[in-house]
Amino acid sequence: MDVFKVGNDLILDPLNKKVIRNGDDISLPELSYRLLQELVEHAPEIVPHDQLIKAVWKDRVVSDENLKKRISRLRDSIADNHSEPKYIVAERGMGYRCVATVRKIKRSESAYNDIGDFQATYYSIKRLVSRLPIWLVASFGVLAIGMSSFVLFHHENENPPNEISEALDYQAAQSYLKFTEKDNDTAISLYQDAINREPQNASSHSGLSDAYLRGYWHYGKDKAWLELGKKHAEKAVQISDDLAWGHKALGLAYYLSGQYENAIASFNLARQIEPSWGEIPAYASLVEIQLGHFIKAHKLAILSVELDPGNPFTNAILGELYRQSYRFYAAEEQFSKTLNIDPGFLMSRLLFSEYLLESGRHVEAISILRDVIHKQQNSQQARWLLGLALLIDNQIEEAIDEFSAASSLGGRYYLSAAVYLAALKKDRSELSKLGEQIAKLKLDGDQWAELTFLEGIVLLINDKGTEATNKFESAIFEGLTTTYRYTHLPVSSGITTSYRFNELLNLIESKNKDKMPKRIPPRT
């Protein structure tokens, strides 16, 4: 079997499964080796994602995310640079290819396998041994047999730490991608085990960060999980600044903390490293929506679906972009598409429920959200949205129950649910404490417009109507232009029938019209 020479300094030997760079052996994990071999054997052609996954993982079911991480690890092992690649490039939306010149060379040409050198060494040793006393030769023989047995036994019964760590990483990623709270907890345990074995593995830290952040975002975990997610994302970036998933995780941590400029900076770095990943522009689109940059958000959301058309997350974010920019017909179509891809995908169902509330179909939203909660009892966002839907439907006691459940959980909507609960119960003392928490978050740099809106509710319950109206106006200018939030407040007040409040509703309508794409007449 021939040996492949890749570029000027890399040799791939399929027979012995060896990779040599500048004369030095490179110890590649089995999955990385299979990936390199597939790319080299098909160079310079583009190898599609599906073909690479089949070649590397055989019959195991994995996602494109696993492939992207494996590509990054391989690049790191062979000293390839994503910005100036010598060996591997990503072809957006298609796959990967080896760009280095590949040529087959005869095994006899390969310097590391020179038969003549081997034979000369063999006969020199034979002549030396023939001159030694018989008892010494026998002793060496016994020692050699013993050492060989030990080496073979040791090799068969102990895997290198990095291989064990990679196996744990793989199992963790598979659990994480099942999108259930139980599997997310399993992923955390596996990533922690991998980090204990190999503390400087950036992949393990970024994976652990993703799992902690998902727990905070979707499974009712408290703010300590958000902080842990940020901590491990920062560690991943510190260990390996040129790997995309660390920057992506850090961007998500910043987004969930309301630090939008930092989030955009991290997502931009991730996109520079891995421009073919679809999820990164989807996350960036979410941030641009919060900042009110709808042209940028639209471009990013469209790009994310082009890069990863079969991913329910990228499709759901495009639906959210249409909802937020008041293109309801497009939103309906897009959410239908993403729910066809995966009917049970949590993010799709939550964002679709928000669309239903915004379009006046709260009864449909109630049905969907109750089904979500039946399957994911600790989905804080589902309970928060169900509380809003029940409030619109004038089921006040049921709404109080859902706000109570949501505020008993950790997560992004804790303060929202707690403020609504206290307002419905007219608990001014509790609202005062919550107001202090909101003020501290804003002082710490949280830019979420929801916080300004909640400040308005706190003022309203304390009979400060003018100040409350000013806060609502600020929230509108900060980007919270969801009409039903203003027309279905958790507190009765005369200001909702005032001229000033009607002006606010007109302002919301005007702001939402501004979000819609403008038709540009053709040049004449």
Protein backbone atom coordinates (compact mmCIF):
# COMPACT_ATOMS: atom_id res chain seq x y z
CA MET A 1 0.00 0.00 0.00
CA ASP A 2 1.30 3.45 -0.96
CA VAL A 3 2.11 6.26 1.44
CA PHE A 4 0.63 9.76 0.96
CA LYS A 5 2.81 12.83 1.09
CA VAL A 6 0.65 15.83 2.02
CA GLY A 7 2.20 19.18 1.24
CA ASN A 8 5.91 19.42 2.02
CA ASP A 9 6.04 18.11 5.57
CA LEU A 10 3.22 15.63 6.27
CA ILE A 11 3.21 11.88 5.58
CA LEU A 12 0.17 9.62 5.97
CA ASP A 13 0.79 5.87 6.12
CA PRO A 14 -2.60 4.04 5.88
CA LEU A 15 -1.03 0.57 6.37
CA ASN A 16 0.50 1.38 9.75
CA LYS A 17 -1.97 4.16 10.60
CA LYS A 18 0.87 6.59 11.13
CA VAL A 19 1.09 10.33 10.56
CA ILE A 20 4.52 11.96 10.45
CA ARG A 21 5.27 15.67 10.28
CA ASN A 22 8.81 16.88 9.67
CA GLY A 23 10.10 13.46 10.70
CA ASP A 24 8.21 13.33 14.00
CA ASP A 25 5.34 10.97 14.74
CA ILE A 26 2.01 12.66 15.46
CA SER A 27 -0.19 10.73 17.83
CA LEU A 28 -3.70 11.19 16.45
CA PRO A 29 -6.84 9.78 18.10
CA GLU A 30 -8.58 7.21 15.91
CA LEU A 31 -11.42 9.55 14.91
CA SER A 32 -9.01 12.32 13.89
CA TYR A 33 -6.96 9.83 11.89
CA ARG A 34 -10.00 8.59 9.98
CA LEU A 35 -10.99 12.17 9.21
CA LEU A 36 -7.56 13.07 7.88
CA GLN A 37 -7.40 9.91 5.79
CA GLU A 38 -10.78 10.59 4.20
CA LEU A 39 -9.80 14.15 3.29
CA VAL A 40 -6.37 13.15 1.95
CA GLU A 41 -7.66 10.23 -0.12
CA HIS A 42 -10.22 12.48 -1.82
CA ALA A 43 -7.99 15.56 -2.23
CA PRO A 44 -8.49 18.05 -3.77
CA GLU A 45 -12.22 17.29 -3.99
CA ILE A 46 -14.76 18.62 -1.49
CA VAL A 47 -15.88 15.87 0.87
CA PRO A 48 -19.51 16.43 1.98
CA HIS A 49 -20.40 16.54 5.68
CA ASP A 50 -22.44 13.32 5.49
CA GLN A 51 -19.60 11.41 3.85
CA LEU A 52 -17.09 12.56 6.48
CA ILE A 53 -19.43 11.63 9.33
CA LYS A 54 -19.94 8.16 7.87
CA ALA A 55 -16.20 7.65 7.34
CA VAL A 56 -15.28 8.80 10.86
CA TRP A 57 -18.11 7.56 13.06
CA LYS A 58 -19.26 4.60 10.93
CA ASP A 59 -22.81 3.67 12.04
CA ARG A 60 -22.99 6.04 15.00
CA VAL A 61 -25.44 8.93 14.76
CA VAL A 62 -23.74 12.29 15.31
CA SER A 63 -24.45 15.90 14.41
CA ASP A 64 -22.53 18.40 12.30
CA GLU A 65 -21.39 19.93 15.60
CA ASN A 66 -19.34 16.79 16.33
CA LEU A 67 -17.74 17.04 12.90
CA LYS A 68 -16.87 20.71 13.37
CA LYS A 69 -15.19 19.99 16.69
CA ARG A 70 -13.28 17.06 15.23
CA ILE A 71 -12.05 19.25 12.35
CA SER A 72 -10.80 21.83 14.84
CA ARG A 73 -8.99 19.19 16.89
CA LEU A 74 -7.37 17.77 13.77
CA ARG A 75 -6.21 21.22 12.69
CA ASP A 76 -4.68 21.73 16.11
CA SER A 77 -2.89 18.35 15.98
CA ILE A 78 -1.29 18.96 12.56
CA ALA A 79 -0.51 22.64 13.25
CA ASP A 80 -2.96 23.93 10.67
CA ASN A 81 -4.33 27.46 10.92
CA HIS A 82 -7.97 28.16 10.08
CA SER A 83 -7.18 31.71 8.86
CA GLU A 84 -4.23 30.61 6.67
CA PRO A 85 -4.88 26.90 6.11
CA LYS A 86 -2.12 24.67 4.76
CA TYR A 87 -4.13 21.46 4.81
CA ILE A 88 -7.89 21.79 5.49
CA VAL A 89 -10.45 24.37 4.40
CA ALA A 90 -14.21 24.55 4.98
CA GLU A 91 -16.38 24.97 1.91
CA ARG A 92 -19.45 26.79 3.16
CA GLY A 93 -22.61 24.71 3.12
CA MET A 94 -20.88 21.82 1.31
CA GLY A 95 -18.14 20.17 3.36
CA TYR A 96 -14.36 20.22 3.77
CA ARG A 97 -11.38 19.53 1.53
CA CYS A 98 -7.66 19.05 1.73
CA VAL A 99 -5.98 21.91 -0.17
CA ALA A 100 -2.40 20.72 0.23
CA THR A 101 -0.80 18.94 -2.71
CA VAL A 102 -1.16 15.19 -2.21
CA ARG A 103 0.98 12.64 -4.00
CA LYS A 104 1.46 8.92 -3.57
CA ILE A 105 4.97 7.68 -2.90
CA LYS A 106 6.28 4.15 -2.77
CA ARG A 107 6.85 2.74 0.67
CA SER A 108 10.55 2.31 -0.21
CA GLU A 109 10.79 6.10 -0.72
CA SER A 110 9.51 6.82 2.76
CA ALA A 111 12.42 7.82 4.96
CA TYR A 112 10.91 6.48 8.16
CA ASN A 113 10.52 2.99 6.63
CA ASP A 114 13.87 2.42 4.93
CA ILE A 115 14.26 -1.37 4.56
CA GLY A 116 17.98 -1.16 3.87
CA ASP A 117 18.63 0.67 7.14
CA PHE A 118 16.52 -1.84 9.02
CA GLN A 119 18.41 -4.83 7.54
CA ALA A 120 21.81 -3.27 8.25
CA THR A 121 20.81 -2.67 11.86
CA TYR A 122 19.48 -6.23 12.13
CA TYR A 123 22.72 -7.87 10.93
CA SER A 124 24.87 -5.62 13.14
CA ILE A 125 22.88 -6.74 16.20
CA LYS A 126 23.10 -10.38 15.04
CA ARG A 127 26.90 -10.21 14.80
CA LEU A 128 27.13 -8.60 18.24
CA VAL A 129 24.92 -11.20 19.85
CA SER A 130 26.92 -14.08 18.27
CA ARG A 131 30.02 -12.92 20.19
CA LEU A 132 28.32 -12.81 23.63
CA PRO A 133 28.42 -15.70 26.16
CA ILE A 134 25.46 -18.06 25.91
CA TRP A 135 24.29 -17.42 29.51
CA LEU A 136 24.19 -13.64 28.87
CA VAL A 137 22.24 -14.09 25.65
CA ALA A 138 19.74 -16.30 27.50
CA SER A 139 19.39 -13.72 30.26
CA PHE A 140 18.69 -10.99 27.72
CA GLY A 141 16.17 -13.28 26.08
CA VAL A 142 14.23 -13.85 29.31
CA LEU A 143 14.31 -10.13 30.09
CA ALA A 144 13.10 -9.23 26.60
CA ILE A 145 10.21 -11.70 26.80
CA GLY A 146 9.19 -10.31 30.19
CA MET A 147 9.33 -6.70 29.04
CA SER A 148 7.44 -7.49 25.84
CA SER A 149 4.70 -9.21 27.82
CA PHE A 150 4.44 -6.24 30.16
CA VAL A 151 4.30 -3.72 27.31
CA LEU A 152 1.65 -5.70 25.44
CA PHE A 153 -0.45 -6.19 28.57
CA HIS A 154 -0.06 -2.55 29.57
CA HIS A 155 -0.96 -1.33 26.09
CA GLU A 156 -4.08 -3.47 25.91
CA ASN A 157 -5.34 -2.52 29.35
CA GLU A 158 -4.65 1.19 29.56
CA ASN A 159 -5.81 3.92 27.19
CA PRO A 160 -3.91 7.20 27.03
CA PRO A 161 -5.57 9.93 29.12
CA ASN A 162 -6.37 12.07 26.06
CA GLU A 163 -8.22 9.17 24.40
CA ILE A 164 -10.31 8.59 27.54
CA SER A 165 -11.02 12.32 27.72
CA GLU A 166 -12.08 12.40 24.07
CA ALA A 167 -14.36 9.41 24.60
CA LEU A 168 -15.97 11.20 27.55
CA ASP A 169 -16.33 14.36 25.47
CA TYR A 170 -18.07 12.36 22.75
CA GLN A 171 -20.49 10.72 25.19
CA ALA A 172 -21.18 14.12 26.78
CA ALA A 173 -21.92 15.74 23.42
CA GLN A 174 -24.32 12.91 22.54
CA SER A 175 -26.18 13.44 25.82
CA TYR A 176 -26.23 17.21 25.37
CA LEU A 177 -27.75 16.89 21.89
CA LYS A 178 -30.73 14.91 23.22
CA PHE A 179 -32.17 18.19 24.56
CA THR A 180 -33.65 16.94 27.84
CA GLU A 181 -32.89 18.11 31.35
CA LYS A 182 -31.80 14.64 32.48
CA ASP A 183 -29.44 14.21 29.52
CA ASN A 184 -28.09 17.72 30.05
CA ASP A 185 -27.20 16.79 33.64
CA THR A 186 -25.51 13.63 32.32
CA ALA A 187 -23.49 15.74 29.88
CA ILE A 188 -22.32 17.97 32.73
CA SER A 189 -21.13 14.96 34.74
CA LEU A 190 -19.24 13.52 31.75
CA TYR A 191 -17.61 16.85 30.86
CA GLN A 192 -16.52 17.30 34.48
CA ASP A 193 -14.95 13.81 34.42
CA ALA A 194 -13.14 14.68 31.17
CA ILE A 195 -11.79 17.91 32.69
CA ASN A 196 -10.59 16.06 35.79
CA ARG A 197 -8.56 13.78 33.51
CA GLU A 198 -7.36 16.51 31.15
CA PRO A 199 -7.77 19.98 32.72
CA GLN A 200 -6.37 21.84 29.70
CA ASN A 201 -8.86 20.48 27.15
CA ALA A 202 -10.66 23.52 25.68
CA SER A 203 -13.32 21.32 24.10
CA SER A 204 -14.39 19.91 27.47
CA HIS A 205 -14.61 23.36 29.04
CA SER A 206 -16.67 24.79 26.17
CA GLY A 207 -18.97 21.76 26.21
CA LEU A 208 -19.45 22.10 29.96
CA SER A 209 -20.16 25.79 29.46
CA ASP A 210 -22.86 25.01 26.88
CA ALA A 211 -24.54 22.55 29.24
CA TYR A 212 -24.52 24.94 32.20
CA LEU A 213 -25.92 27.75 30.04
CA ARG A 214 -28.67 25.50 28.68
CA GLY A 215 -29.58 24.55 32.25
CA TYR A 216 -29.98 28.23 33.11
CA TRP A 217 -31.79 29.15 29.89
CA HIS A 218 -34.18 26.21 29.58
CA TYR A 219 -34.26 23.99 32.68
CA GLY A 220 -34.87 26.37 35.57
CA LYS A 221 -31.36 26.37 37.04
CA ASP A 222 -30.28 29.35 39.13
CA LYS A 223 -27.87 32.15 38.30
CA ALA A 224 -24.90 30.16 39.62
CA TRP A 225 -25.24 28.04 36.47
CA LEU A 226 -24.95 31.15 34.31
CA GLU A 227 -21.79 32.14 36.16
CA LEU A 228 -20.35 28.62 35.80
CA GLY A 229 -21.17 28.68 32.11
CA LYS A 230 -19.32 31.95 31.69
CA LYS A 231 -16.37 30.73 33.79
CA HIS A 232 -15.82 27.60 31.67
CA ALA A 233 -16.28 29.51 28.41
CA GLU A 234 -13.58 31.96 29.51
CA LYS A 235 -11.35 28.99 30.43
CA ALA A 236 -11.88 27.42 26.99
CA VAL A 237 -10.87 30.69 25.29
CA GLN A 238 -7.87 31.05 27.60
CA ILE A 239 -6.65 27.55 26.75
CA SER A 240 -7.21 27.83 23.00
CA ASP A 241 -8.09 31.24 21.60
CA ASP A 242 -8.35 29.96 18.02
CA LEU A 243 -11.14 27.43 18.62
CA ALA A 244 -14.61 28.68 17.75
CA TRP A 245 -16.77 26.88 20.28
CA GLY A 246 -15.18 28.65 23.28
CA HIS A 247 -16.01 32.07 21.80
CA LYS A 248 -19.51 30.85 20.89
CA ALA A 249 -20.19 29.71 24.47
CA LEU A 250 -18.83 32.97 25.87
CA GLY A 251 -21.05 34.93 23.47
CA LEU A 252 -24.10 33.03 24.74
CA ALA A 253 -23.13 33.72 28.36
CA TYR A 254 -22.88 37.44 27.57
CA TYR A 255 -26.25 37.35 25.75
CA LEU A 256 -28.00 35.74 28.71
CA SER A 257 -26.39 38.38 30.96
CA GLY A 258 -27.71 41.21 28.77
CA GLN A 259 -24.18 42.31 27.80
CA TYR A 260 -24.93 42.59 24.13
CA GLU A 261 -21.82 44.34 22.77
CA ASN A 262 -19.60 41.72 24.42
CA ALA A 263 -21.83 38.98 23.02
CA ILE A 264 -21.51 40.34 19.47
CA ALA A 265 -17.72 40.59 19.84
CA SER A 266 -17.48 36.93 20.93
CA PHE A 267 -19.80 35.69 18.18
CA ASN A 268 -17.83 37.64 15.58
CA LEU A 269 -14.61 35.97 16.71
CA ALA A 270 -16.28 32.56 16.49
CA ARG A 271 -17.56 33.35 12.99
CA GLN A 272 -14.09 34.41 11.84
CA ILE A 273 -12.68 31.08 13.01
CA GLU A 274 -15.50 28.89 11.67
CA PRO A 275 -17.42 30.82 8.97
CA SER A 276 -19.30 27.67 7.91
CA TRP A 277 -21.04 27.06 11.26
CA GLY A 278 -24.74 27.90 11.04
CA GLU A 279 -25.57 28.26 14.74
CA ILE A 280 -23.13 31.12 15.39
CA PRO A 281 -24.85 33.69 13.11
CA ALA A 282 -28.19 32.51 14.55
CA TYR A 283 -27.04 33.44 18.06
CA ALA A 284 -25.62 36.72 16.75
CA SER A 285 -28.99 37.44 15.12
CA LEU A 286 -30.71 37.08 18.51
CA VAL A 287 -28.41 39.72 19.95
CA GLU A 288 -28.90 42.13 17.04
CA ILE A 289 -32.67 41.78 17.50
CA GLN A 290 -32.28 42.88 21.12
CA LEU A 291 -30.20 45.85 19.97
CA GLY A 292 -32.83 46.79 17.38
CA HIS A 293 -30.47 46.19 14.44
CA PHE A 294 -32.99 44.40 12.26
CA ILE A 295 -31.14 44.63 8.95
CA LYS A 296 -28.09 42.97 10.51
CA ALA A 297 -30.29 40.48 12.34
CA HIS A 298 -32.07 39.54 9.11
CA LYS A 299 -28.81 38.95 7.21
CA LEU A 300 -27.44 36.79 10.01
CA ALA A 301 -30.64 34.74 10.39
CA ILE A 302 -30.84 34.09 6.64
CA LEU A 303 -27.15 33.12 6.56
CA SER A 304 -27.59 30.71 9.48
CA VAL A 305 -30.34 28.79 7.66
CA GLU A 306 -28.31 28.73 4.43
CA LEU A 307 -25.36 27.25 6.30
CA ASP A 308 -27.39 24.78 8.37
CA PRO A 309 -30.81 24.29 6.69
CA GLY A 310 -31.75 21.14 8.60
CA ASN A 311 -31.11 22.58 12.06
CA PRO A 312 -34.34 23.42 13.96
CA PHE A 313 -32.49 26.07 15.98
CA THR A 314 -31.37 28.13 12.98
CA ASN A 315 -34.86 27.89 11.48
CA ALA A 316 -36.50 28.88 14.77
CA ILE A 317 -34.31 31.99 15.05
CA LEU A 318 -35.31 33.04 11.53
CA GLY A 319 -38.96 32.66 12.62
CA GLU A 320 -38.23 34.80 15.68
CA LEU A 321 -36.64 37.47 13.45
CA TYR A 322 -39.81 37.58 11.36
CA ARG A 323 -41.97 37.83 14.48
CA GLN A 324 -39.90 40.60 16.02
CA SER A 325 -39.95 42.56 12.75
CA TYR A 326 -43.73 42.09 12.48
CA ARG A 327 -43.69 39.97 9.34
CA PHE A 328 -46.31 37.64 10.75
CA TYR A 329 -47.08 35.76 7.54
CA ALA A 330 -43.39 34.92 7.06
CA ALA A 331 -43.12 34.02 10.75
CA GLU A 332 -46.04 31.59 10.49
CA GLU A 333 -44.46 29.86 7.50
CA GLN A 334 -41.04 29.69 9.13
CA PHE A 335 -42.29 28.28 12.42
CA SER A 336 -44.29 25.69 10.49
CA LYS A 337 -41.07 24.71 8.72
CA THR A 338 -38.98 24.40 11.88
CA LEU A 339 -41.68 22.40 13.68
CA ASN A 340 -41.77 20.01 10.72
CA ILE A 341 -38.02 19.49 11.10
CA ASP A 342 -38.41 18.55 14.78
CA PRO A 343 -41.92 18.84 16.30
CA GLY A 344 -40.58 18.46 19.85
CA PHE A 345 -37.72 20.96 19.69
CA LEU A 346 -38.15 23.13 22.81
CA MET A 347 -36.88 26.43 21.40
CA SER A 348 -39.16 26.17 18.35
CA ARG A 349 -42.24 25.57 20.49
CA LEU A 350 -41.45 28.41 22.90
CA LEU A 351 -40.79 30.96 20.17
CA PHE A 352 -43.87 29.82 18.24
CA SER A 353 -45.93 30.30 21.41
CA GLU A 354 -44.65 33.88 21.69
CA TYR A 355 -45.69 34.43 18.08
CA LEU A 356 -49.19 33.13 18.86
CA LEU A 357 -49.49 35.52 21.82
CA GLU A 358 -48.33 38.43 19.70
CA SER A 359 -50.80 37.61 16.92
CA GLY A 360 -53.77 37.37 19.29
CA ARG A 361 -54.03 33.55 19.44
CA HIS A 362 -53.46 33.05 23.14
CA VAL A 363 -55.81 30.04 23.39
CA GLU A 364 -53.60 28.09 20.96
CA ALA A 365 -50.54 29.20 22.92
CA ILE A 366 -52.05 27.90 26.18
CA SER A 367 -52.52 24.45 24.66
CA ILE A 368 -48.95 24.25 23.33
CA LEU A 369 -47.36 25.58 26.52
CA ARG A 370 -49.25 23.14 28.74
CA ASP A 371 -47.97 20.31 26.58
CA VAL A 372 -44.41 21.67 26.84
CA ILE A 373 -44.67 21.85 30.64
CA HIS A 374 -46.07 18.32 30.75
CA LYS A 375 -42.83 17.13 29.09
CA GLN A 376 -40.41 19.69 30.58
CA GLN A 377 -41.74 20.60 34.03
CA ASN A 378 -38.80 22.87 34.81
CA SER A 379 -39.03 24.95 31.64
CA GLN A 380 -39.19 28.37 33.28
CA GLN A 381 -39.83 30.18 29.99
CA ALA A 382 -42.82 27.92 29.23
CA ARG A 383 -44.34 28.65 32.65
CA TRP A 384 -43.67 32.39 32.26
CA LEU A 385 -45.33 32.47 28.82
CA LEU A 386 -48.25 30.37 30.06
CA GLY A 387 -48.75 32.88 32.88
CA LEU A 388 -48.92 35.70 30.31
CA ALA A 389 -51.36 33.73 28.13
CA LEU A 390 -53.63 33.03 31.11
CA LEU A 391 -53.47 36.70 32.12
CA ILE A 392 -54.64 37.69 28.63
CA ASP A 393 -57.43 35.12 28.97
CA ASN A 394 -58.40 36.70 32.32
CA GLN A 395 -57.68 33.46 34.23
CA ILE A 396 -56.01 35.40 37.05
CA GLU A 397 -55.70 32.65 39.68
CA GLU A 398 -54.23 30.22 37.14
CA ALA A 399 -51.84 32.94 35.95
CA ILE A 400 -50.72 33.52 39.54
CA ASP A 401 -49.96 29.79 39.87
CA GLU A 402 -47.78 29.82 36.76
CA PHE A 403 -45.93 33.01 37.74
CA SER A 404 -45.35 31.45 41.16
CA ALA A 405 -43.95 28.29 39.57
CA ALA A 406 -41.75 30.30 37.18
CA SER A 407 -40.38 32.52 39.97
CA SER A 408 -39.55 29.45 42.09
CA LEU A 409 -37.22 28.30 39.32
CA GLY A 410 -33.94 29.82 38.30
CA GLY A 411 -33.37 31.24 34.85
CA ARG A 412 -33.65 34.30 32.67
CA TYR A 413 -37.32 34.99 33.50
CA TYR A 414 -37.07 34.83 37.28
CA LEU A 415 -37.45 38.60 37.82
CA SER A 416 -40.21 38.92 35.20
CA ALA A 417 -42.30 36.20 36.86
CA ALA A 418 -41.55 37.47 40.37
CA VAL A 419 -42.59 41.05 39.50
CA TYR A 420 -45.84 39.90 37.87
CA LEU A 421 -46.60 37.64 40.86
CA ALA A 422 -45.99 40.41 43.39
CA ALA A 423 -47.98 42.91 41.30
CA LEU A 424 -51.00 40.59 41.05
CA LYS A 425 -50.80 40.03 44.81
CA LYS A 426 -50.25 43.78 45.39
CA ASP A 427 -47.20 42.95 47.51
CA ARG A 428 -45.43 46.33 47.61
CA SER A 429 -42.73 45.18 50.00
CA GLU A 430 -41.68 42.36 47.66
CA LEU A 431 -41.83 44.68 44.66
CA SER A 432 -39.50 47.11 46.42
CA LYS A 433 -36.92 44.33 46.90
CA LEU A 434 -37.30 43.23 43.28
CA GLY A 435 -36.86 46.82 42.13
CA GLU A 436 -33.51 46.95 43.92
CA GLN A 437 -32.39 43.73 42.17
CA ILE A 438 -33.39 45.17 38.80
CA ALA A 439 -31.51 48.41 39.46
CA LYS A 440 -28.37 46.46 40.41
CA LEU A 441 -28.49 44.39 37.22
CA LYS A 442 -28.79 47.50 35.10
CA LEU A 443 -25.94 49.13 37.02
CA ASP A 444 -23.83 46.04 36.25
CA GLY A 445 -24.41 46.54 32.52
CA ASP A 446 -27.47 44.38 31.75
CA GLN A 447 -29.08 45.95 28.66
CA TRP A 448 -32.21 43.78 28.51
CA ALA A 449 -35.18 46.10 27.79
CA GLU A 450 -37.40 43.79 29.87
CA LEU A 451 -35.77 45.19 33.02
CA THR A 452 -36.82 48.76 32.20
CA PHE A 453 -40.37 47.57 31.54
CA LEU A 454 -40.43 45.79 34.92
CA GLU A 455 -39.29 49.01 36.61
CA GLY A 456 -42.39 50.62 35.13
CA ILE A 457 -44.63 47.99 36.74
CA VAL A 458 -42.96 48.49 40.13
CA LEU A 459 -43.60 52.24 39.88
CA LEU A 460 -47.18 51.69 38.75
CA ILE A 461 -48.07 49.49 41.72
CA ASN A 462 -46.71 52.27 43.97
CA ASP A 463 -49.10 54.77 42.35
CA LYS A 464 -46.34 56.60 40.48
CA GLY A 465 -48.16 56.72 37.17
CA THR A 466 -46.14 59.47 35.48
CA GLU A 467 -42.79 57.86 36.34
CA ALA A 468 -44.17 54.47 35.27
CA THR A 469 -45.26 55.86 31.90
CA ASN A 470 -41.79 57.34 31.39
CA LYS A 471 -40.24 53.94 32.11
CA PHE A 472 -42.57 52.24 29.63
CA GLU A 473 -41.58 54.80 27.01
CA SER A 474 -37.89 54.09 27.71
CA ALA A 475 -38.55 50.35 27.36
CA ILE A 476 -40.14 50.98 23.94
CA PHE A 477 -37.10 52.94 22.77
CA GLU A 478 -34.86 50.16 24.13
CA GLY A 479 -36.70 47.65 21.94
CA LEU A 480 -39.57 46.13 23.94
CA THR A 481 -42.41 46.76 21.48
CA THR A 482 -44.56 43.69 22.15
CA THR A 483 -48.02 45.26 22.22
CA TYR A 484 -49.82 42.75 24.45
CA ARG A 485 -47.32 43.35 27.26
CA TYR A 486 -48.57 46.95 27.53
CA THR A 487 -52.26 46.21 27.01
CA HIS A 488 -52.34 43.36 29.57
CA LEU A 489 -50.44 44.67 32.58
CA PRO A 490 -50.54 42.74 35.89
CA VAL A 491 -52.00 45.75 37.68
CA SER A 492 -55.16 47.82 37.15
CA SER A 493 -54.47 51.51 36.68
CA GLY A 494 -56.22 54.52 35.29
CA ILE A 495 -53.18 55.43 33.21
CA THR A 496 -54.01 52.69 30.70
CA THR A 497 -56.98 54.78 29.53
CA SER A 498 -55.08 58.06 29.55
CA TYR A 499 -54.12 60.08 26.49
CA ARG A 500 -50.42 59.65 27.31
CA PHE A 501 -50.72 55.87 27.43
CA ASN A 502 -52.54 55.83 24.09
CA GLU A 503 -49.62 57.81 22.70
CA LEU A 504 -47.32 55.03 23.92
CA LEU A 505 -49.39 52.43 22.05
CA ASN A 506 -49.17 54.59 18.91
CA LEU A 507 -45.41 54.82 19.43
CA ILE A 508 -45.21 51.00 19.61
CA GLU A 509 -47.14 50.72 16.35
CA SER A 510 -44.84 53.23 14.70
CA LYS A 511 -41.70 51.46 15.96
CA ASN A 512 -42.97 48.11 14.73
CA LYS A 513 -43.72 49.53 11.29
CA ASP A 514 -40.15 50.83 11.17
CA LYS A 515 -38.90 47.27 11.67
CA MET A 516 -40.59 46.06 8.51
CA PRO A 517 -38.44 45.90 5.36
CA LYS A 518 -38.84 48.87 3.07
CA ARG A 519 -39.54 48.38 -0.62
CA ILE A 520 -36.89 50.17 -2.66
CA PRO A 521 -38.13 51.26 -6.11
CA PRO A 522 -35.97 50.14 -9.03
CA ARG A 523 -33.59 52.65 -10.53
CA THR A 524 -34.74 54.23 -13.77
